[in-house]
Amino acid sequence: MKKTMVLWALLIGLGASAQHRPHNPVRGTEHPTELSSEQQATIQSKRMTLALGLNAQQQDQIATLLKSRLDARMELRARRKSEASSAEQKDEASRYVAINDRLDREIAFQENIKGILSESQFEQWRSHRENQIKERNRK
């Protein structure tokens, strides 16, 4: 009887842990309902407004900058999907070019953000961004 109860407890525990969990759209790449780049930019700019206390002009500039960044990201994602279907591995040179391009885009984005935000807002944004990167690398 005791062995049967232990067996049932193990089976129930394993069954519960094996249940399919819904996808977390914040951390994943697949969204159940994909938002447009304009909608995503609006949401992100409003979050930044709440976090950094942006004025209306800054919020509009940030939303425009984020929209262009998201459009470029969606275009890059579509290009990668079409290239992935060819099933060719990237060689080191093309990988280097891709990483270099991404870092150039990040530097340009940071410079644009720096031009829009005040010095204290920029420092707050930067520290928040560093914390996000640390959290992402921790998981």
N, C-alpha and C. Protein backbone atom coordinates (compact mmCIF):
# COMPACT_ATOMS: atom_id res chain seq x y z
N MET A 1 0.82 -1.19 0.00
CA MET A 1 0.00 0.00 0.00
C MET A 1 0.87 1.26 0.00
N LYS A 2 1.92 1.22 0.83
CA LYS A 2 2.81 2.37 0.94
C LYS A 2 3.53 2.60 -0.39
N LYS A 3 3.97 1.53 -1.04
CA LYS A 3 4.66 1.65 -2.32
C LYS A 3 3.72 2.19 -3.40
N THR A 4 2.47 1.78 -3.36
CA THR A 4 1.49 2.24 -4.32
C THR A 4 1.26 3.74 -4.17
N MET A 5 1.16 4.21 -2.94
CA MET A 5 0.96 5.65 -2.68
C MET A 5 2.16 6.46 -3.16
N VAL A 6 3.35 5.95 -2.91
CA VAL A 6 4.56 6.65 -3.36
C VAL A 6 4.60 6.69 -4.88
N LEU A 7 4.25 5.57 -5.52
CA LEU A 7 4.23 5.51 -6.96
C LEU A 7 3.23 6.52 -7.54
N TRP A 8 2.05 6.58 -6.96
CA TRP A 8 1.03 7.53 -7.42
C TRP A 8 1.51 8.96 -7.23
N ALA A 9 2.13 9.26 -6.11
CA ALA A 9 2.64 10.61 -5.86
C ALA A 9 3.69 10.99 -6.91
N LEU A 10 4.57 10.06 -7.24
CA LEU A 10 5.58 10.32 -8.27
C LEU A 10 4.95 10.54 -9.64
N LEU A 11 3.97 9.71 -9.97
CA LEU A 11 3.31 9.85 -11.27
C LEU A 11 2.56 11.17 -11.38
N ILE A 12 1.89 11.56 -10.33
CA ILE A 12 1.16 12.83 -10.35
C ILE A 12 2.15 13.99 -10.45
N GLY A 13 3.24 13.90 -9.71
CA GLY A 13 4.26 14.95 -9.77
C GLY A 13 4.89 15.08 -11.14
N LEU A 14 5.22 13.95 -11.74
CA LEU A 14 5.79 13.98 -13.08
C LEU A 14 4.78 14.47 -14.11
N GLY A 15 3.55 14.05 -13.96
CA GLY A 15 2.50 14.50 -14.88
C GLY A 15 2.27 15.99 -14.81
N ALA A 16 2.30 16.52 -13.60
CA ALA A 16 2.08 17.96 -13.44
C ALA A 16 3.25 18.76 -14.00
N SER A 17 4.47 18.26 -13.82
CA SER A 17 5.63 19.00 -14.32
C SER A 17 5.78 18.87 -15.83
N ALA A 18 5.18 17.87 -16.41
CA ALA A 18 5.31 17.67 -17.85
C ALA A 18 4.24 18.40 -18.64
N GLN A 19 3.36 19.12 -17.97
CA GLN A 19 2.30 19.84 -18.66
C GLN A 19 2.90 20.94 -19.53
N HIS A 20 2.29 21.17 -20.66
CA HIS A 20 2.75 22.20 -21.57
C HIS A 20 2.44 23.56 -20.97
N ARG A 21 3.45 24.38 -20.88
CA ARG A 21 3.25 25.74 -20.36
C ARG A 21 3.08 26.68 -21.53
N PRO A 22 2.23 27.68 -21.38
CA PRO A 22 2.06 28.64 -22.47
C PRO A 22 3.36 29.41 -22.69
N HIS A 23 3.59 29.81 -23.92
CA HIS A 23 4.80 30.52 -24.28
C HIS A 23 4.80 31.91 -23.65
N ASN A 24 5.92 32.32 -23.14
CA ASN A 24 6.06 33.65 -22.56
C ASN A 24 6.45 34.61 -23.68
N PRO A 25 5.53 35.47 -24.13
CA PRO A 25 5.83 36.33 -25.27
C PRO A 25 6.87 37.40 -24.98
N VAL A 26 7.14 37.67 -23.72
CA VAL A 26 8.12 38.70 -23.40
C VAL A 26 9.53 38.20 -23.70
N ARG A 27 9.81 36.93 -23.39
CA ARG A 27 11.17 36.41 -23.53
C ARG A 27 11.39 35.65 -24.82
N GLY A 28 10.34 35.20 -25.47
CA GLY A 28 10.51 34.36 -26.64
C GLY A 28 10.51 35.15 -27.92
N THR A 29 10.65 34.44 -29.01
CA THR A 29 10.63 35.09 -30.31
C THR A 29 9.29 34.90 -31.01
N GLU A 30 8.52 33.92 -30.58
CA GLU A 30 7.24 33.68 -31.20
C GLU A 30 6.14 34.31 -30.34
N HIS A 31 5.34 35.13 -30.97
CA HIS A 31 4.24 35.77 -30.27
C HIS A 31 2.93 35.19 -30.79
N PRO A 32 2.02 34.83 -29.87
CA PRO A 32 0.74 34.30 -30.33
C PRO A 32 0.01 35.30 -31.24
N THR A 33 0.02 36.56 -30.86
CA THR A 33 -0.56 37.60 -31.70
C THR A 33 0.53 38.62 -31.94
N GLU A 34 1.09 38.61 -33.10
CA GLU A 34 2.21 39.49 -33.45
C GLU A 34 1.71 40.93 -33.57
N LEU A 35 2.33 41.82 -32.82
CA LEU A 35 2.00 43.24 -32.89
C LEU A 35 2.79 43.87 -34.02
N SER A 36 2.24 44.92 -34.61
CA SER A 36 2.98 45.62 -35.65
C SER A 36 4.13 46.38 -35.02
N SER A 37 5.08 46.78 -35.84
CA SER A 37 6.24 47.51 -35.32
C SER A 37 5.81 48.84 -34.71
N GLU A 38 4.78 49.46 -35.27
CA GLU A 38 4.29 50.73 -34.72
C GLU A 38 3.67 50.51 -33.33
N GLN A 39 2.91 49.44 -33.17
CA GLN A 39 2.31 49.14 -31.87
C GLN A 39 3.38 48.82 -30.83
N GLN A 40 4.38 48.04 -31.22
CA GLN A 40 5.45 47.70 -30.31
C GLN A 40 6.24 48.95 -29.91
N ALA A 41 6.50 49.84 -30.88
CA ALA A 41 7.24 51.07 -30.60
C ALA A 41 6.46 51.97 -29.65
N THR A 42 5.15 52.04 -29.83
CA THR A 42 4.32 52.85 -28.94
C THR A 42 4.35 52.31 -27.52
N ILE A 43 4.23 51.00 -27.38
CA ILE A 43 4.26 50.39 -26.05
C ILE A 43 5.62 50.60 -25.39
N GLN A 44 6.70 50.39 -26.13
CA GLN A 44 8.03 50.56 -25.56
C GLN A 44 8.29 52.02 -25.19
N SER A 45 7.84 52.95 -26.02
CA SER A 45 8.07 54.36 -25.70
C SER A 45 7.27 54.78 -24.48
N LYS A 46 6.07 54.23 -24.31
CA LYS A 46 5.28 54.54 -23.11
C LYS A 46 5.92 53.94 -21.86
N ARG A 47 6.49 52.74 -21.98
CA ARG A 47 7.22 52.16 -20.85
C ARG A 47 8.42 53.02 -20.48
N MET A 48 9.12 53.51 -21.50
CA MET A 48 10.26 54.38 -21.23
C MET A 48 9.80 55.70 -20.61
N THR A 49 8.64 56.20 -21.03
CA THR A 49 8.10 57.43 -20.46
C THR A 49 7.82 57.23 -18.98
N LEU A 50 7.24 56.10 -18.64
CA LEU A 50 6.97 55.82 -17.23
C LEU A 50 8.25 55.66 -16.42
N ALA A 51 9.23 55.01 -17.00
CA ALA A 51 10.47 54.73 -16.27
C ALA A 51 11.38 55.95 -16.17
N LEU A 52 11.42 56.75 -17.23
CA LEU A 52 12.38 57.86 -17.29
C LEU A 52 11.76 59.24 -17.17
N GLY A 53 10.44 59.32 -17.21
CA GLY A 53 9.78 60.62 -17.11
C GLY A 53 10.00 61.47 -18.35
N LEU A 54 9.79 60.89 -19.52
CA LEU A 54 9.99 61.62 -20.78
C LEU A 54 8.88 62.63 -20.99
N ASN A 55 9.20 63.72 -21.69
CA ASN A 55 8.15 64.66 -22.07
C ASN A 55 7.55 64.20 -23.39
N ALA A 56 6.53 64.90 -23.89
CA ALA A 56 5.81 64.46 -25.09
C ALA A 56 6.71 64.45 -26.32
N GLN A 57 7.57 65.45 -26.44
CA GLN A 57 8.47 65.51 -27.59
C GLN A 57 9.46 64.35 -27.56
N GLN A 58 10.03 64.07 -26.40
CA GLN A 58 10.95 62.96 -26.28
C GLN A 58 10.25 61.64 -26.58
N GLN A 59 9.03 61.50 -26.09
CA GLN A 59 8.27 60.26 -26.32
C GLN A 59 8.04 60.05 -27.82
N ASP A 60 7.69 61.10 -28.55
CA ASP A 60 7.48 60.98 -29.98
C ASP A 60 8.77 60.61 -30.72
N GLN A 61 9.87 61.24 -30.32
CA GLN A 61 11.16 60.95 -30.96
C GLN A 61 11.59 59.51 -30.68
N ILE A 62 11.41 59.07 -29.45
CA ILE A 62 11.75 57.69 -29.08
C ILE A 62 10.88 56.71 -29.85
N ALA A 63 9.59 56.99 -29.96
CA ALA A 63 8.67 56.09 -30.67
C ALA A 63 9.09 55.97 -32.14
N THR A 64 9.48 57.07 -32.76
CA THR A 64 9.92 57.05 -34.15
C THR A 64 11.20 56.24 -34.30
N LEU A 65 12.14 56.45 -33.38
CA LEU A 65 13.40 55.72 -33.41
C LEU A 65 13.18 54.23 -33.20
N LEU A 66 12.32 53.87 -32.24
CA LEU A 66 12.03 52.46 -31.97
C LEU A 66 11.32 51.80 -33.14
N LYS A 67 10.42 52.55 -33.80
CA LYS A 67 9.70 51.98 -34.95
C LYS A 67 10.67 51.66 -36.08
N SER A 68 11.59 52.55 -36.35
CA SER A 68 12.56 52.27 -37.43
C SER A 68 13.45 51.09 -37.06
N ARG A 69 13.81 51.00 -35.76
CA ARG A 69 14.64 49.88 -35.31
C ARG A 69 13.88 48.55 -35.42
N LEU A 70 12.61 48.55 -35.03
CA LEU A 70 11.80 47.34 -35.11
C LEU A 70 11.54 46.93 -36.55
N ASP A 71 11.33 47.91 -37.44
CA ASP A 71 11.14 47.59 -38.86
C ASP A 71 12.39 46.91 -39.42
N ALA A 72 13.55 47.44 -39.07
CA ALA A 72 14.80 46.85 -39.54
C ALA A 72 14.98 45.44 -38.98
N ARG A 73 14.59 45.25 -37.72
CA ARG A 73 14.72 43.93 -37.09
C ARG A 73 13.79 42.92 -37.77
N MET A 74 12.55 43.32 -38.08
CA MET A 74 11.62 42.42 -38.75
C MET A 74 12.11 42.07 -40.16
N GLU A 75 12.68 43.04 -40.84
CA GLU A 75 13.22 42.80 -42.17
C GLU A 75 14.40 41.82 -42.10
N LEU A 76 15.26 41.99 -41.12
CA LEU A 76 16.40 41.09 -40.93
C LEU A 76 15.93 39.69 -40.59
N ARG A 77 14.89 39.58 -39.75
CA ARG A 77 14.35 38.28 -39.38
C ARG A 77 13.78 37.56 -40.61
N ALA A 78 13.08 38.31 -41.47
CA ALA A 78 12.52 37.71 -42.68
C ALA A 78 13.64 37.25 -43.62
N ARG A 79 14.71 38.05 -43.71
CA ARG A 79 15.84 37.68 -44.56
C ARG A 79 16.53 36.43 -44.03
N ARG A 80 16.66 36.33 -42.72
CA ARG A 80 17.28 35.14 -42.12
C ARG A 80 16.45 33.89 -42.37
N LYS A 81 15.13 34.03 -42.31
CA LYS A 81 14.27 32.87 -42.57
C LYS A 81 14.44 32.38 -44.00
N SER A 82 14.53 33.31 -44.93
CA SER A 82 14.70 32.90 -46.33
C SER A 82 16.08 32.29 -46.55
N GLU A 83 17.10 32.80 -45.86
CA GLU A 83 18.44 32.23 -45.98
C GLU A 83 18.54 30.89 -45.27
N ALA A 84 17.80 30.72 -44.19
CA ALA A 84 17.84 29.46 -43.44
C ALA A 84 17.25 28.32 -44.26
N SER A 85 16.32 28.64 -45.11
CA SER A 85 15.72 27.60 -45.93
C SER A 85 16.72 27.03 -46.94
N SER A 86 17.75 27.79 -47.27
CA SER A 86 18.76 27.29 -48.19
C SER A 86 19.69 26.30 -47.50
N ALA A 87 19.63 26.23 -46.19
CA ALA A 87 20.37 25.25 -45.37
C ALA A 87 21.88 25.35 -45.54
N GLU A 88 22.38 26.55 -45.73
CA GLU A 88 23.81 26.74 -45.83
C GLU A 88 24.34 27.28 -44.52
N GLN A 89 25.44 26.75 -44.08
CA GLN A 89 26.07 27.25 -42.86
C GLN A 89 26.83 28.53 -43.20
N LYS A 90 26.79 29.47 -42.26
CA LYS A 90 27.53 30.70 -42.46
C LYS A 90 29.02 30.44 -42.24
N ASP A 91 29.81 31.00 -43.09
CA ASP A 91 31.24 30.89 -42.86
C ASP A 91 31.66 31.99 -41.89
N GLU A 92 32.91 31.97 -41.47
CA GLU A 92 33.38 32.90 -40.46
C GLU A 92 33.31 34.35 -40.94
N ALA A 93 33.57 34.60 -42.19
CA ALA A 93 33.56 35.97 -42.71
C ALA A 93 32.15 36.57 -42.66
N SER A 94 31.16 35.80 -43.09
CA SER A 94 29.79 36.32 -43.08
C SER A 94 29.28 36.46 -41.65
N ARG A 95 29.72 35.59 -40.77
CA ARG A 95 29.35 35.70 -39.35
C ARG A 95 29.95 36.97 -38.75
N TYR A 96 31.20 37.24 -39.09
CA TYR A 96 31.86 38.45 -38.63
C TYR A 96 31.12 39.69 -39.12
N VAL A 97 30.73 39.70 -40.38
CA VAL A 97 30.01 40.84 -40.96
C VAL A 97 28.69 41.04 -40.24
N ALA A 98 27.97 39.95 -39.95
CA ALA A 98 26.68 40.05 -39.27
C ALA A 98 26.83 40.61 -37.87
N ILE A 99 27.83 40.14 -37.14
CA ILE A 99 28.05 40.64 -35.78
C ILE A 99 28.48 42.10 -35.81
N ASN A 100 29.34 42.44 -36.75
CA ASN A 100 29.81 43.81 -36.88
C ASN A 100 28.66 44.75 -37.22
N ASP A 101 27.77 44.33 -38.13
CA ASP A 101 26.61 45.14 -38.50
C ASP A 101 25.68 45.35 -37.31
N ARG A 102 25.47 44.29 -36.54
CA ARG A 102 24.59 44.40 -35.37
C ARG A 102 25.17 45.38 -34.36
N LEU A 103 26.45 45.29 -34.12
CA LEU A 103 27.08 46.21 -33.16
C LEU A 103 27.08 47.64 -33.67
N ASP A 104 27.25 47.84 -34.97
CA ASP A 104 27.15 49.19 -35.54
C ASP A 104 25.76 49.77 -35.36
N ARG A 105 24.73 48.93 -35.56
CA ARG A 105 23.36 49.40 -35.36
C ARG A 105 23.11 49.75 -33.89
N GLU A 106 23.66 48.94 -32.98
CA GLU A 106 23.49 49.22 -31.55
C GLU A 106 24.18 50.52 -31.15
N ILE A 107 25.37 50.77 -31.68
CA ILE A 107 26.09 52.01 -31.38
C ILE A 107 25.31 53.21 -31.91
N ALA A 108 24.79 53.12 -33.13
CA ALA A 108 24.01 54.21 -33.71
C ALA A 108 22.74 54.44 -32.90
N PHE A 109 22.09 53.37 -32.47
CA PHE A 109 20.87 53.49 -31.66
C PHE A 109 21.18 54.20 -30.34
N GLN A 110 22.28 53.80 -29.71
CA GLN A 110 22.65 54.41 -28.44
C GLN A 110 22.98 55.89 -28.61
N GLU A 111 23.64 56.25 -29.70
CA GLU A 111 23.94 57.66 -29.96
C GLU A 111 22.66 58.45 -30.19
N ASN A 112 21.70 57.86 -30.91
CA ASN A 112 20.42 58.54 -31.12
C ASN A 112 19.67 58.72 -29.81
N ILE A 113 19.67 57.70 -28.98
CA ILE A 113 19.01 57.79 -27.67
C ILE A 113 19.68 58.87 -26.83
N LYS A 114 21.00 58.92 -26.88
CA LYS A 114 21.75 59.90 -26.10
C LYS A 114 21.40 61.33 -26.53
N GLY A 115 21.14 61.52 -27.83
CA GLY A 115 20.74 62.83 -28.33
C GLY A 115 19.34 63.23 -27.92
N ILE A 116 18.49 62.28 -27.64
CA ILE A 116 17.10 62.57 -27.28
C ILE A 116 16.95 62.77 -25.78
N LEU A 117 17.58 61.93 -24.99
CA LEU A 117 17.41 61.96 -23.54
C LEU A 117 18.35 62.97 -22.89
N SER A 118 17.94 63.42 -21.71
CA SER A 118 18.84 64.26 -20.93
C SER A 118 19.93 63.38 -20.34
N GLU A 119 20.94 64.00 -19.73
CA GLU A 119 22.07 63.23 -19.20
C GLU A 119 21.62 62.27 -18.11
N SER A 120 20.77 62.73 -17.19
CA SER A 120 20.32 61.84 -16.10
C SER A 120 19.42 60.73 -16.63
N GLN A 121 18.55 61.05 -17.60
CA GLN A 121 17.69 60.04 -18.20
C GLN A 121 18.51 58.99 -18.93
N PHE A 122 19.56 59.45 -19.63
CA PHE A 122 20.41 58.52 -20.37
C PHE A 122 21.13 57.58 -19.42
N GLU A 123 21.64 58.10 -18.31
CA GLU A 123 22.33 57.24 -17.34
C GLU A 123 21.36 56.22 -16.73
N GLN A 124 20.14 56.67 -16.45
CA GLN A 124 19.13 55.76 -15.91
C GLN A 124 18.78 54.69 -16.94
N TRP A 125 18.62 55.07 -18.20
CA TRP A 125 18.32 54.13 -19.28
C TRP A 125 19.45 53.12 -19.42
N ARG A 126 20.67 53.62 -19.37
CA ARG A 126 21.83 52.75 -19.54
C ARG A 126 21.96 51.74 -18.40
N SER A 127 21.75 52.19 -17.16
CA SER A 127 21.84 51.25 -16.04
C SER A 127 20.73 50.20 -16.11
N HIS A 128 19.53 50.63 -16.54
CA HIS A 128 18.42 49.68 -16.69
C HIS A 128 18.75 48.66 -17.78
N ARG A 129 19.35 49.13 -18.85
CA ARG A 129 19.71 48.24 -19.96
C ARG A 129 20.79 47.24 -19.54
N GLU A 130 21.76 47.70 -18.76
CA GLU A 130 22.81 46.80 -18.27
C GLU A 130 22.20 45.72 -17.36
N ASN A 131 21.23 46.12 -16.53
CA ASN A 131 20.56 45.14 -15.66
C ASN A 131 19.80 44.12 -16.49
N GLN A 132 19.15 44.56 -17.56
CA GLN A 132 18.43 43.63 -18.43
C GLN A 132 19.39 42.63 -19.06
N ILE A 133 20.54 43.10 -19.50
CA ILE A 133 21.52 42.21 -20.13
C ILE A 133 22.04 41.20 -19.11
N LYS A 134 22.30 41.64 -17.88
CA LYS A 134 22.74 40.73 -16.85
C LYS A 134 21.70 39.67 -16.56
N GLU A 135 20.43 40.07 -16.47
CA GLU A 135 19.35 39.12 -16.22
C GLU A 135 19.22 38.11 -17.36
N ARG A 136 19.35 38.60 -18.59
CA ARG A 136 19.24 37.71 -19.75
C ARG A 136 20.37 36.70 -19.78
N ASN A 137 21.56 37.13 -19.42
CA ASN A 137 22.71 36.23 -19.42
C ASN A 137 22.68 35.27 -18.25
N ARG A 138 22.00 35.64 -17.18
CA ARG A 138 21.92 34.77 -16.01
C ARG A 138 21.04 33.56 -16.28
N LYS A 139 20.06 33.71 -17.16
CA LYS A 139 19.09 32.62 -17.41
C LYS A 139 19.51 31.74 -18.51
